[in-house]
PDB file of N, CA and C in Angstrom:
ATOM      1  N   UNK A   1    -145.490-140.875  28.785  1.00  0.00           N
ATOM      2  CA  UNK A   1    -145.535-139.571  28.095  1.00  0.00           C
ATOM      3  C   UNK A   1    -146.666-139.292  27.443  1.00  0.00           C
ATOM      4  N   UNK A   2    -147.561-138.200  27.660  1.00  0.00           N
ATOM      5  CA  UNK A   2    -148.870-137.831  27.198  1.00  0.00           C
ATOM      6  C   UNK A   2    -148.461-137.107  26.108  1.00  0.00           C
ATOM      7  N   UNK A   3    -149.175-137.063  25.020  1.00  0.00           N
ATOM      8  CA  UNK A   3    -149.059-136.087  23.833  1.00  0.00           C
ATOM      9  C   UNK A   3    -150.398-135.903  23.757  1.00  0.00           C
ATOM     10  N   UNK A   4    -150.615-134.319  23.820  1.00  0.00           N
ATOM     11  CA  UNK A   4    -152.033-133.561  23.643  1.00  0.00           C
ATOM     12  C   UNK A   4    -152.370-132.865  22.170  1.00  0.00           C
ATOM     13  N   UNK A   5    -151.201-132.580  21.454  1.00  0.00           N
ATOM     14  CA  UNK A   5    -151.221-132.158  20.375  1.00  0.00           C
ATOM     15  C   UNK A   5    -151.364-133.042  19.225  1.00  0.00           C
ATOM     16  N   UNK A   6    -152.383-132.837  18.463  1.00  0.00           N
ATOM     17  CA  UNK A   6    -152.579-133.921  17.226  1.00  0.00           C
ATOM     18  C   UNK A   6    -151.422-133.679  16.309  1.00  0.00           C
ATOM     19  N   UNK A   7    -151.010-132.713  16.167  1.00  0.00           N
ATOM     20  CA  UNK A   7    -149.832-132.399  15.119  1.00  0.00           C
ATOM     21  C   UNK A   7    -148.479-133.147  15.634  1.00  0.00           C
ATOM     22  N   UNK A   8    -148.207-133.193  17.004  1.00  0.00           N
ATOM     23  CA  UNK A   8    -147.206-133.806  17.647  1.00  0.00           C
ATOM     24  C   UNK A   8    -147.537-135.346  17.239  1.00  0.00           C
ATOM     25  N   UNK A   9    -148.499-136.134  17.273  1.00  0.00           N
ATOM     26  CA  UNK A   9    -148.563-137.373  16.951  1.00  0.00           C
ATOM     27  C   UNK A   9    -148.321-137.667  15.707  1.00  0.00           C
ATOM     28  N   UNK A  10    -148.879-136.759  14.809  1.00  0.00           N
ATOM     29  CA  UNK A  10    -148.696-137.116  13.113  1.00  0.00           C
ATOM     30  C   UNK A  10    -147.400-136.909  12.977  1.00  0.00           C
ATOM     31  N   UNK A  11    -146.716-135.978  13.518  1.00  0.00           N
ATOM     32  CA  UNK A  11    -145.034-136.042  13.118  1.00  0.00           C
ATOM     33  C   UNK A  11    -144.210-137.144  13.709  1.00  0.00           C
ATOM     34  N   UNK A  12    -144.721-137.791  15.128  1.00  0.00           N
ATOM     35  CA  UNK A  12    -143.733-138.724  15.460  1.00  0.00           C
ATOM     36  C   UNK A  12    -144.300-139.951  14.759  1.00  0.00           C
ATOM     37  N   UNK A  13    -145.618-140.151  14.079  1.00  0.00           N
ATOM     38  CA  UNK A  13    -145.919-141.294  13.445  1.00  0.00           C
ATOM     39  C   UNK A  13    -145.270-141.259  11.877  1.00  0.00           C
ATOM     40  N   UNK A  14    -145.131-140.027  11.315  1.00  0.00           N
ATOM     41  CA  UNK A  14    -144.330-139.826  10.249  1.00  0.00           C
ATOM     42  C   UNK A  14    -142.915-140.242  10.355  1.00  0.00           C
ATOM     43  N   UNK A  15    -142.464-139.635  11.426  1.00  0.00           N
ATOM     44  CA  UNK A  15    -140.972-139.788  11.798  1.00  0.00           C
ATOM     45  C   UNK A  15    -140.492-141.583  11.900  1.00  0.00           C
ATOM     46  N   UNK A  16    -141.649-142.125  12.526  1.00  0.00           N
ATOM     47  CA  UNK A  16    -141.559-143.641  12.560  1.00  0.00           C
ATOM     48  C   UNK A  16    -141.410-144.407  11.203  1.00  0.00           C
ATOM     49  N   UNK A  17    -142.360-143.633  10.287  1.00  0.00           N
ATOM     50  CA  UNK A  17    -142.410-144.433   9.026  1.00  0.00           C
ATOM     51  C   UNK A  17    -141.394-144.320   8.186  1.00  0.00           C
ATOM     52  N   UNK A  18    -140.672-142.927   8.130  1.00  0.00           N
ATOM     53  CA  UNK A  18    -139.450-142.463   7.248  1.00  0.00           C
ATOM     54  C   UNK A  18    -138.252-143.335   7.898  1.00  0.00           C
ATOM     55  N   UNK A  19    -138.128-143.488   9.336  1.00  0.00           N
ATOM     56  CA  UNK A  19    -137.158-144.291   9.645  1.00  0.00           C
ATOM     57  C   UNK A  19    -137.090-145.784   9.422  1.00  0.00           C
ATOM     58  N   UNK A  20    -138.250-146.098   9.391  1.00  0.00           N
ATOM     59  CA  UNK A  20    -138.449-147.789   8.906  1.00  0.00           C
ATOM     60  C   UNK A  20    -138.098-148.007   7.304  1.00  0.00           C
ATOM     61  N   UNK A  21    -138.315-146.896   6.650  1.00  0.00           N
ATOM     62  CA  UNK A  21    -138.008-146.891   5.122  1.00  0.00           C
ATOM     63  C   UNK A  21    -136.774-147.066   4.849  1.00  0.00           C
ATOM     64  N   UNK A  22    -135.908-146.901   5.589  1.00  0.00           N
ATOM     65  CA  UNK A  22    -134.337-146.783   5.201  1.00  0.00           C
ATOM     66  C   UNK A  22    -133.939-148.143   5.661  1.00  0.00           C
ATOM     67  N   UNK A  23    -133.215-148.701   4.569  1.00  0.00           N
ATOM     68  CA  UNK A  23    -132.546-149.994   5.088  1.00  0.00           C
ATOM     69  C   UNK A  23    -131.396-150.198   3.974  1.00  0.00           C
ATOM     70  N   UNK A  24    -130.219-150.924   4.319  1.00  0.00           N
ATOM     71  CA  UNK A  24    -129.104-151.196   3.770  1.00  0.00           C
ATOM     72  C   UNK A  24    -129.661-152.077   2.543  1.00  0.00           C
ATOM     73  N   UNK A  25    -128.769-152.149   1.513  1.00  0.00           N
ATOM     74  CA  UNK A  25    -129.210-152.936   0.341  1.00  0.00           C
ATOM     75  C   UNK A  25    -127.967-153.922   0.452  1.00  0.00           C
ATOM     76  N   UNK A  26    -128.253-155.341   0.115  1.00  0.00           N
ATOM     77  CA  UNK A  26    -127.522-156.236   0.456  1.00  0.00           C
ATOM     78  C   UNK A  26    -126.657-156.205  -0.921  1.00  0.00           C
ATOM     79  N   UNK A  27    -125.458-156.814  -0.960  1.00  0.00           N
ATOM     80  CA  UNK A  27    -124.467-156.694  -2.233  1.00  0.00           C
ATOM     81  C   UNK A  27    -125.260-157.533  -3.427  1.00  0.00           C
ATOM     82  N   UNK A  28    -126.048-158.543  -3.203  1.00  0.00           N
ATOM     83  CA  UNK A  28    -126.393-159.305  -4.414  1.00  0.00           C
ATOM     84  C   UNK A  28    -127.633-158.501  -4.835  1.00  0.00           C
ATOM     85  N   UNK A  29    -128.283-157.404  -4.201  1.00  0.00           N
ATOM     86  CA  UNK A  29    -129.275-156.727  -4.702  1.00  0.00           C
ATOM     87  C   UNK A  29    -128.763-155.458  -5.602  1.00  0.00           C
ATOM     88  N   UNK A  30    -127.505-155.319  -5.241  1.00  0.00           N
ATOM     89  CA  UNK A  30    -127.193-153.863  -6.007  1.00  0.00           C
ATOM     90  C   UNK A  30    -127.055-153.859  -7.588  1.00  0.00           C
ATOM     91  N   UNK A  31    -126.922-155.399  -8.158  1.00  0.00           N
ATOM     92  CA  UNK A  31    -127.032-155.426  -9.482  1.00  0.00           C
ATOM     93  C   UNK A  31    -128.171-155.076 -10.213  1.00  0.00           C
ATOM     94  N   UNK A  32    -129.484-155.402  -9.376  1.00  0.00           N
ATOM     95  CA  UNK A  32    -130.866-154.966  -9.769  1.00  0.00           C
ATOM     96  C   UNK A  32    -131.015-153.555  -9.819  1.00  0.00           C
ATOM     97  N   UNK A  33    -130.649-153.013  -8.630  1.00  0.00           N
ATOM     98  CA  UNK A  33    -130.410-151.588  -8.586  1.00  0.00           C
ATOM     99  C   UNK A  33    -129.675-150.808  -9.530  1.00  0.00           C
ATOM    100  N   UNK A  34    -128.523-151.321 -10.009  1.00  0.00           N
ATOM    101  CA  UNK A  34    -127.590-150.675 -11.041  1.00  0.00           C
ATOM    102  C   UNK A  34    -128.124-150.779 -12.495  1.00  0.00           C
ATOM    103  N   UNK A  35    -129.381-151.400 -12.592  1.00  0.00           N
ATOM    104  CA  UNK A  35    -129.785-151.424 -14.262  1.00  0.00           C
ATOM    105  C   UNK A  35    -129.940-150.196 -14.771  1.00  0.00           C
ATOM    106  N   UNK A  36    -129.805-150.178 -16.076  1.00  0.00           N
ATOM    107  CA  UNK A  36    -130.122-148.840 -16.838  1.00  0.00           C
ATOM    108  C   UNK A  36    -131.454-148.211 -16.894  1.00  0.00           C
ATOM    109  N   UNK A  37    -132.524-149.142 -16.768  1.00  0.00           N
ATOM    110  CA  UNK A  37    -133.857-148.468 -16.489  1.00  0.00           C
ATOM    111  C   UNK A  37    -133.984-147.777 -15.011  1.00  0.00           C
ATOM    112  N   UNK A  38    -133.347-148.108 -14.210  1.00  0.00           N
ATOM    113  CA  UNK A  38    -133.218-147.374 -12.597  1.00  0.00           C
ATOM    114  C   UNK A  38    -132.779-146.079 -12.818  1.00  0.00           C
ATOM    115  N   UNK A  39    -132.019-145.816 -14.058  1.00  0.00           N
ATOM    116  CA  UNK A  39    -131.085-144.391 -14.034  1.00  0.00           C
ATOM    117  C   UNK A  39    -132.157-143.047 -14.166  1.00  0.00           C
ATOM    118  N   UNK A  40    -131.808-142.242 -13.901  1.00  0.00           N
ATOM    119  CA  UNK A  40    -132.530-140.691 -14.081  1.00  0.00           C
ATOM    120  C   UNK A  40    -132.537-140.698 -15.792  1.00  0.00           C
ATOM    121  N   UNK A  41    -131.434-140.874 -16.200  1.00  0.00           N
ATOM    122  CA  UNK A  41    -131.733-141.021 -17.639  1.00  0.00           C
ATOM    123  C   UNK A  41    -131.164-142.498 -18.405  1.00  0.00           C
ATOM    124  N   UNK A  42    -131.953-143.159 -18.511  1.00  0.00           N
ATOM    125  CA  UNK A  42    -131.555-144.518 -19.097  1.00  0.00           C
ATOM    126  C   UNK A  42    -130.989-144.683 -20.314  1.00  0.00           C
ATOM    127  N   UNK A  43    -131.117-143.638 -21.387  1.00  0.00           N
ATOM    128  CA  UNK A  43    -130.605-143.632 -22.689  1.00  0.00           C
ATOM    129  C   UNK A  43    -130.198-142.153 -22.879  1.00  0.00           C
ATOM    130  N   UNK A  44    -128.975-142.087 -22.218  1.00  0.00           N
ATOM    131  CA  UNK A  44    -128.159-140.625 -22.490  1.00  0.00           C
ATOM    132  C   UNK A  44    -127.949-140.161 -23.879  1.00  0.00           C
ATOM    133  N   UNK A  45    -127.461-141.474 -24.738  1.00  0.00           N
ATOM    134  CA  UNK A  45    -127.152-141.217 -26.208  1.00  0.00           C
ATOM    135  C   UNK A  45    -128.151-140.668 -26.914  1.00  0.00           C
ATOM    136  N   UNK A  46    -129.566-141.375 -26.592  1.00  0.00           N
ATOM    137  CA  UNK A  46    -130.808-141.233 -27.516  1.00  0.00           C
ATOM    138  C   UNK A  46    -131.172-139.493 -27.150  1.00  0.00           C
ATOM    139  N   UNK A  47    -131.245-139.104 -26.176  1.00  0.00           N
ATOM    140  CA  UNK A  47    -131.350-137.853 -25.450  1.00  0.00           C
ATOM    141  C   UNK A  47    -130.459-137.010 -26.226  1.00  0.00           C
ATOM    142  N   UNK A  48    -129.004-137.137 -26.391  1.00  0.00           N
ATOM    143  CA  UNK A  48    -128.033-136.372 -27.030  1.00  0.00           C
ATOM    144  C   UNK A  48    -128.654-136.262 -28.517  1.00  0.00           C
ATOM    145  N   UNK A  49    -128.986-137.232 -28.999  1.00  0.00           N
ATOM    146  CA  UNK A  49    -129.087-137.358 -30.522  1.00  0.00           C
ATOM    147  C   UNK A  49    -130.689-136.426 -30.522  1.00  0.00           C
ATOM    148  N   UNK A  50    -131.550-136.404 -29.800  1.00  0.00           N
ATOM    149  CA  UNK A  50    -132.727-136.173 -29.846  1.00  0.00           C
ATOM    150  C   UNK A  50    -132.496-134.273 -29.737  1.00  0.00           C
ATOM    151  N   UNK A  51    -131.757-133.775 -28.785  1.00  0.00           N
ATOM    152  CA  UNK A  51    -131.502-132.546 -28.580  1.00  0.00           C
ATOM    153  C   UNK A  51    -130.551-132.145 -29.794  1.00  0.00           C
ATOM    154  N   UNK A  52    -129.763-132.906 -30.319  1.00  0.00           N
ATOM    155  CA  UNK A  52    -129.199-132.231 -31.630  1.00  0.00           C
ATOM    156  C   UNK A  52    -129.964-132.198 -32.747  1.00  0.00           C
ATOM    157  N   UNK A  53    -130.913-133.040 -33.236  1.00  0.00           N
ATOM    158  CA  UNK A  53    -131.769-132.993 -34.168  1.00  0.00           C
ATOM    159  C   UNK A  53    -132.841-131.707 -34.040  1.00  0.00           C
ATOM    160  N   UNK A  54    -133.218-131.562 -32.785  1.00  0.00           N
ATOM    161  CA  UNK A  54    -134.018-130.291 -32.349  1.00  0.00           C
ATOM    162  C   UNK A  54    -133.460-129.186 -32.746  1.00  0.00           C
ATOM    163  N   UNK A  55    -132.107-128.937 -32.167  1.00  0.00           N
ATOM    164  CA  UNK A  55    -131.101-127.855 -32.523  1.00  0.00           C
ATOM    165  C   UNK A  55    -131.043-127.641 -34.004  1.00  0.00           C
ATOM    166  N   UNK A  56    -130.696-128.689 -34.639  1.00  0.00           N
ATOM    167  CA  UNK A  56    -130.482-128.426 -36.008  1.00  0.00           C
ATOM    168  C   UNK A  56    -131.801-128.147 -36.878  1.00  0.00           C
ATOM    169  N   UNK A  57    -132.934-128.440 -36.609  1.00  0.00           N
ATOM    170  CA  UNK A  57    -133.997-128.035 -37.122  1.00  0.00           C
ATOM    171  C   UNK A  57    -134.363-126.811 -36.659  1.00  0.00           C
ATOM    172  N   UNK A  58    -134.253-126.319 -35.253  1.00  0.00           N
ATOM    173  CA  UNK A  58    -134.812-125.018 -35.199  1.00  0.00           C
ATOM    174  C   UNK A  58    -133.468-123.918 -35.048  1.00  0.00           C
ATOM    175  N   UNK A  59    -132.466-124.330 -35.467  1.00  0.00           N
ATOM    176  CA  UNK A  59    -131.346-123.566 -35.210  1.00  0.00           C
ATOM    177  C   UNK A  59    -131.290-122.734 -34.047  1.00  0.00           C
ATOM    178  N   UNK A  60    -131.403-123.280 -32.873  1.00  0.00           N
ATOM    179  CA  UNK A  60    -131.445-122.745 -31.632  1.00  0.00           C
ATOM    180  C   UNK A  60    -131.145-123.926 -30.727  1.00  0.00           C
ATOM    181  N   UNK A  61    -130.716-123.505 -29.488  1.00  0.00           N
ATOM    182  CA  UNK A  61    -130.340-124.236 -28.571  1.00  0.00           C
ATOM    183  C   UNK A  61    -131.007-124.118 -27.263  1.00  0.00           C
ATOM    184  N   UNK A  62    -130.964-124.940 -26.172  1.00  0.00           N
ATOM    185  CA  UNK A  62    -131.511-124.475 -24.903  1.00  0.00           C
ATOM    186  C   UNK A  62    -132.551-125.612 -24.558  1.00  0.00           C
ATOM    187  N   UNK A  63    -133.758-125.092 -24.071  1.00  0.00           N
ATOM    188  CA  UNK A  63    -134.674-125.816 -23.354  1.00  0.00           C
ATOM    189  C   UNK A  63    -135.217-126.728 -24.619  1.00  0.00           C
ATOM    190  N   UNK A  64    -135.697-128.145 -24.326  1.00  0.00           N
ATOM    191  CA  UNK A  64    -136.338-128.943 -25.164  1.00  0.00           C
ATOM    192  C   UNK A  64    -137.642-129.311 -24.864  1.00  0.00           C
ATOM    193  N   UNK A  65    -138.427-128.600 -24.081  1.00  0.00           N
ATOM    194  CA  UNK A  65    -139.596-128.804 -23.503  1.00  0.00           C
ATOM    195  C   UNK A  65    -140.743-128.137 -24.476  1.00  0.00           C
ATOM    196  N   UNK A  66    -140.211-127.425 -25.415  1.00  0.00           N
ATOM    197  CA  UNK A  66    -141.325-126.832 -26.585  1.00  0.00           C
ATOM    198  C   UNK A  66    -141.803-127.996 -27.490  1.00  0.00           C
ATOM    199  N   UNK A  67    -142.773-128.003 -27.971  1.00  0.00           N
ATOM    200  CA  UNK A  67    -143.283-129.011 -28.957  1.00  0.00           C
ATOM    201  C   UNK A  67    -143.603-128.066 -30.157  1.00  0.00           C
ATOM    202  N   UNK A  68    -143.262-128.943 -31.226  1.00  0.00           N
ATOM    203  CA  UNK A  68    -143.653-128.313 -32.659  1.00  0.00           C
ATOM    204  C   UNK A  68    -142.260-127.627 -33.189  1.00  0.00           C
ATOM    205  N   UNK A  69    -141.974-128.201 -34.521  1.00  0.00           N
ATOM    206  CA  UNK A  69    -140.717-127.736 -35.153  1.00  0.00           C
ATOM    207  C   UNK A  69    -141.248-126.415 -35.942  1.00  0.00           C
ATOM    208  N   UNK A  70    -140.111-125.719 -36.406  1.00  0.00           N
ATOM    209  CA  UNK A  70    -140.390-124.322 -37.133  1.00  0.00           C
ATOM    210  C   UNK A  70    -141.312-124.722 -38.253  1.00  0.00           C
ATOM    211  N   UNK A  71    -141.119-125.869 -38.983  1.00  0.00           N
ATOM    212  CA  UNK A  71    -141.539-126.351 -40.258  1.00  0.00           C
ATOM    213  C   UNK A  71    -142.908-127.040 -39.767  1.00  0.00           C
ATOM    214  N   UNK A  72    -143.240-127.560 -38.581  1.00  0.00           N
ATOM    215  CA  UNK A  72    -144.383-127.868 -38.320  1.00  0.00           C
ATOM    216  C   UNK A  72    -144.411-129.334 -38.644  1.00  0.00           C
ATOM    217  N   UNK A  73    -143.169-129.867 -38.454  1.00  0.00           N
ATOM    218  CA  UNK A  73    -142.898-131.268 -38.433  1.00  0.00           C
ATOM    219  C   UNK A  73    -142.589-132.381 -37.551  1.00  0.00           C
ATOM    220  N   UNK A  74    -142.843-131.730 -36.302  1.00  0.00           N
ATOM    221  CA  UNK A  74    -142.479-132.384 -34.978  1.00  0.00           C
ATOM    222  C   UNK A  74    -143.717-132.449 -34.180  1.00  0.00           C
TER     223      UNK A  74
END
């Protein structure tokens, strides 16, 4: 099979690498992957407390992406 299009070559190589990246996880490795540090939100209680204190200070709710409190203390 002769491939003349360079884009096809790149796509075939990318497909080969992506297929090689998938591998099953052994049962004895699942404990390592299930650690709290591997979670999307490793400390959900801490986040809830932070959002609660932010909402109490600002008297608002919603996004917590803003920096700085209304009193300038954050």
